[in-house]
Amino acid sequence: MELVKAGRNARYNDNNNNHFFGSIFDNVDEYEWDFGVVHAPNLVNAFALPGGIIRVTDSLLQHLYLSNGEIAALLGHEMGHVLHRHSQRR
């Protein structure tokens, strides 16, 4: 996989949404979120890594035609894995 585009500290600057996430996860601000797209022609997936790294494959974006709300839900799902430290439970 090749990293196509990534950015740190991506945040939706709507006070209502920040309040919403803060009310669900008390540790959301512990991370410098790093969202990115990776080139993976044969993999339709998204994944989270420890430390707030979230990646989506370009194949997922090309094949599913997600709305902004669906992308937000996908990223929120992956953020949940980081916030609940799922990768550290094994």
C-alpha atoms as a PDB file:
ATOM      1  CA  MET A   1       0.000   0.000   0.000  1.00  0.00           C
ATOM      2  CA  GLU A   2       1.162   3.500  -0.812  1.00  0.00           C
ATOM      3  CA  LEU A   3       0.076   6.552   1.162  1.00  0.00           C
ATOM      4  CA  VAL A   4      -1.722   8.920  -1.209  1.00  0.00           C
ATOM      5  CA  LYS A   5      -2.751  11.743   1.091  1.00  0.00           C
ATOM      6  CA  ALA A   6      -2.786  12.320   4.838  1.00  0.00           C
ATOM      7  CA  GLY A   7      -3.196  15.143   7.293  1.00  0.00           C
ATOM      8  CA  ARG A   8      -2.893  15.678  11.019  1.00  0.00           C
ATOM      9  CA  ASN A   9      -5.377  17.396  13.280  1.00  0.00           C
ATOM     10  CA  ALA A  10      -8.299  17.084  10.894  1.00  0.00           C
ATOM     11  CA  ARG A  11     -11.362  18.262  12.730  1.00  0.00           C
ATOM     12  CA  TYR A  12     -14.874  19.239  11.837  1.00  0.00           C
ATOM     13  CA  ASN A  13     -15.123  22.740  13.320  1.00  0.00           C
ATOM     14  CA  ASP A  14     -18.768  22.730  14.208  1.00  0.00           C
ATOM     15  CA  ASN A  15     -19.176  23.319  17.933  1.00  0.00           C
ATOM     16  CA  ASN A  16     -22.196  21.034  18.075  1.00  0.00           C
ATOM     17  CA  ASN A  17     -20.265  18.097  16.628  1.00  0.00           C
ATOM     18  CA  ASN A  18     -17.248  18.686  18.873  1.00  0.00           C
ATOM     19  CA  HIS A  19     -19.607  18.700  21.852  1.00  0.00           C
ATOM     20  CA  PHE A  20     -21.269  15.539  20.527  1.00  0.00           C
ATOM     21  CA  PHE A  21     -17.976  13.629  20.231  1.00  0.00           C
ATOM     22  CA  GLY A  22     -16.819  14.952  23.588  1.00  0.00           C
ATOM     23  CA  SER A  23     -19.980  13.676  25.236  1.00  0.00           C
ATOM     24  CA  ILE A  24     -19.461  10.167  23.845  1.00  0.00           C
ATOM     25  CA  PHE A  25     -15.693   9.839  24.240  1.00  0.00           C
ATOM     26  CA  ASP A  26     -13.993  11.628  27.102  1.00  0.00           C
ATOM     27  CA  ASN A  27     -10.565  10.905  25.588  1.00  0.00           C
ATOM     28  CA  VAL A  28     -11.121  12.192  22.013  1.00  0.00           C
ATOM     29  CA  ASP A  29      -8.729  15.124  22.560  1.00  0.00           C
ATOM     30  CA  GLU A  30      -5.886  12.841  23.704  1.00  0.00           C
ATOM     31  CA  TYR A  31      -4.963  12.179  20.069  1.00  0.00           C
ATOM     32  CA  GLU A  32      -3.623  14.194  17.158  1.00  0.00           C
ATOM     33  CA  TRP A  33      -5.807  12.510  14.569  1.00  0.00           C
ATOM     34  CA  ASP A  34      -4.085  11.669  11.296  1.00  0.00           C
ATOM     35  CA  PHE A  35      -6.505  10.784   8.498  1.00  0.00           C
ATOM     36  CA  GLY A  36      -5.273   9.531   5.145  1.00  0.00           C
ATOM     37  CA  VAL A  37      -5.998   7.654   1.944  1.00  0.00           C
ATOM     38  CA  VAL A  38      -3.778   4.778   0.846  1.00  0.00           C
ATOM     39  CA  HIS A  39      -3.480   3.367  -2.652  1.00  0.00           C
ATOM     40  CA  ALA A  40      -4.548  -0.282  -2.540  1.00  0.00           C
ATOM     41  CA  PRO A  41      -6.084  -1.400  -5.845  1.00  0.00           C
ATOM     42  CA  ASN A  42      -7.415  -4.739  -4.564  1.00  0.00           C
ATOM     43  CA  LEU A  43      -8.433  -3.817  -1.028  1.00  0.00           C
ATOM     44  CA  VAL A  44     -11.725  -2.154  -0.100  1.00  0.00           C
ATOM     45  CA  ASN A  45     -11.174  -1.302   3.559  1.00  0.00           C
ATOM     46  CA  ALA A  46     -10.555   1.262   6.285  1.00  0.00           C
ATOM     47  CA  PHE A  47      -8.446   0.744   9.375  1.00  0.00           C
ATOM     48  CA  ALA A  48      -7.208   2.383  12.548  1.00  0.00           C
ATOM     49  CA  LEU A  49      -3.757   2.233  14.095  1.00  0.00           C
ATOM     50  CA  PRO A  50      -2.725   3.117  17.643  1.00  0.00           C
ATOM     51  CA  GLY A  51      -2.084   6.791  18.250  1.00  0.00           C
ATOM     52  CA  GLY A  52      -4.948   8.147  16.138  1.00  0.00           C
ATOM     53  CA  ILE A  53      -3.894   7.092  12.641  1.00  0.00           C
ATOM     54  CA  ILE A  54      -6.898   6.391  10.407  1.00  0.00           C
ATOM     55  CA  ARG A  55      -6.533   5.161   6.828  1.00  0.00           C
ATOM     56  CA  VAL A  56      -9.086   4.517   4.088  1.00  0.00           C
ATOM     57  CA  THR A  57      -8.179   2.759   0.864  1.00  0.00           C
ATOM     58  CA  ASP A  58      -8.763   4.551  -2.408  1.00  0.00           C
ATOM     59  CA  SER A  59     -10.592   1.438  -3.628  1.00  0.00           C
ATOM     60  CA  LEU A  60     -13.199   1.881  -0.896  1.00  0.00           C
ATOM     61  CA  LEU A  61     -13.786   5.489  -1.946  1.00  0.00           C
ATOM     62  CA  GLN A  62     -13.900   4.608  -5.660  1.00  0.00           C
ATOM     63  CA  HIS A  63     -16.243   1.634  -5.358  1.00  0.00           C
ATOM     64  CA  LEU A  64     -18.761   2.715  -2.728  1.00  0.00           C
ATOM     65  CA  TYR A  65     -19.583   6.344  -3.649  1.00  0.00           C
ATOM     66  CA  LEU A  66     -20.101   7.361  -0.026  1.00  0.00           C
ATOM     67  CA  SER A  67     -21.914  10.543   0.975  1.00  0.00           C
ATOM     68  CA  ASN A  68     -20.236  12.968   3.398  1.00  0.00           C
ATOM     69  CA  GLY A  69     -22.382  11.587   6.211  1.00  0.00           C
ATOM     70  CA  GLU A  70     -21.387   8.012   5.390  1.00  0.00           C
ATOM     71  CA  ILE A  71     -17.699   8.971   5.315  1.00  0.00           C
ATOM     72  CA  ALA A  72     -18.137  10.694   8.690  1.00  0.00           C
ATOM     73  CA  ALA A  73     -19.750   7.516  10.078  1.00  0.00           C
ATOM     74  CA  LEU A  74     -16.906   5.384   8.680  1.00  0.00           C
ATOM     75  CA  LEU A  75     -14.239   7.641  10.209  1.00  0.00           C
ATOM     76  CA  GLY A  76     -16.139   7.779  13.502  1.00  0.00           C
ATOM     77  CA  HIS A  77     -16.248   3.985  13.559  1.00  0.00           C
ATOM     78  CA  GLU A  78     -12.486   3.797  13.048  1.00  0.00           C
ATOM     79  CA  MET A  79     -11.933   6.496  15.685  1.00  0.00           C
ATOM     80  CA  GLY A  80     -13.899   4.318  18.098  1.00  0.00           C
ATOM     81  CA  HIS A  81     -11.365   1.512  17.617  1.00  0.00           C
ATOM     82  CA  VAL A  82      -8.562   3.892  18.637  1.00  0.00           C
ATOM     83  CA  LEU A  83     -10.478   5.432  21.544  1.00  0.00           C
ATOM     84  CA  HIS A  84     -11.371   2.012  22.951  1.00  0.00           C
ATOM     85  CA  ARG A  85      -7.811   0.766  22.309  1.00  0.00           C
ATOM     86  CA  HIS A  86      -9.014  -2.307  20.415  1.00  0.00           C
ATOM     87  CA  SER A  87      -5.602  -2.935  18.824  1.00  0.00           C
ATOM     88  CA  GLN A  88      -3.996  -3.147  22.271  1.00  0.00           C
ATOM     89  CA  ARG A  89      -6.325  -5.854  23.598  1.00  0.00           C
ATOM     90  CA  ARG A  90      -4.639  -8.768  21.821  1.00  0.00           C
END
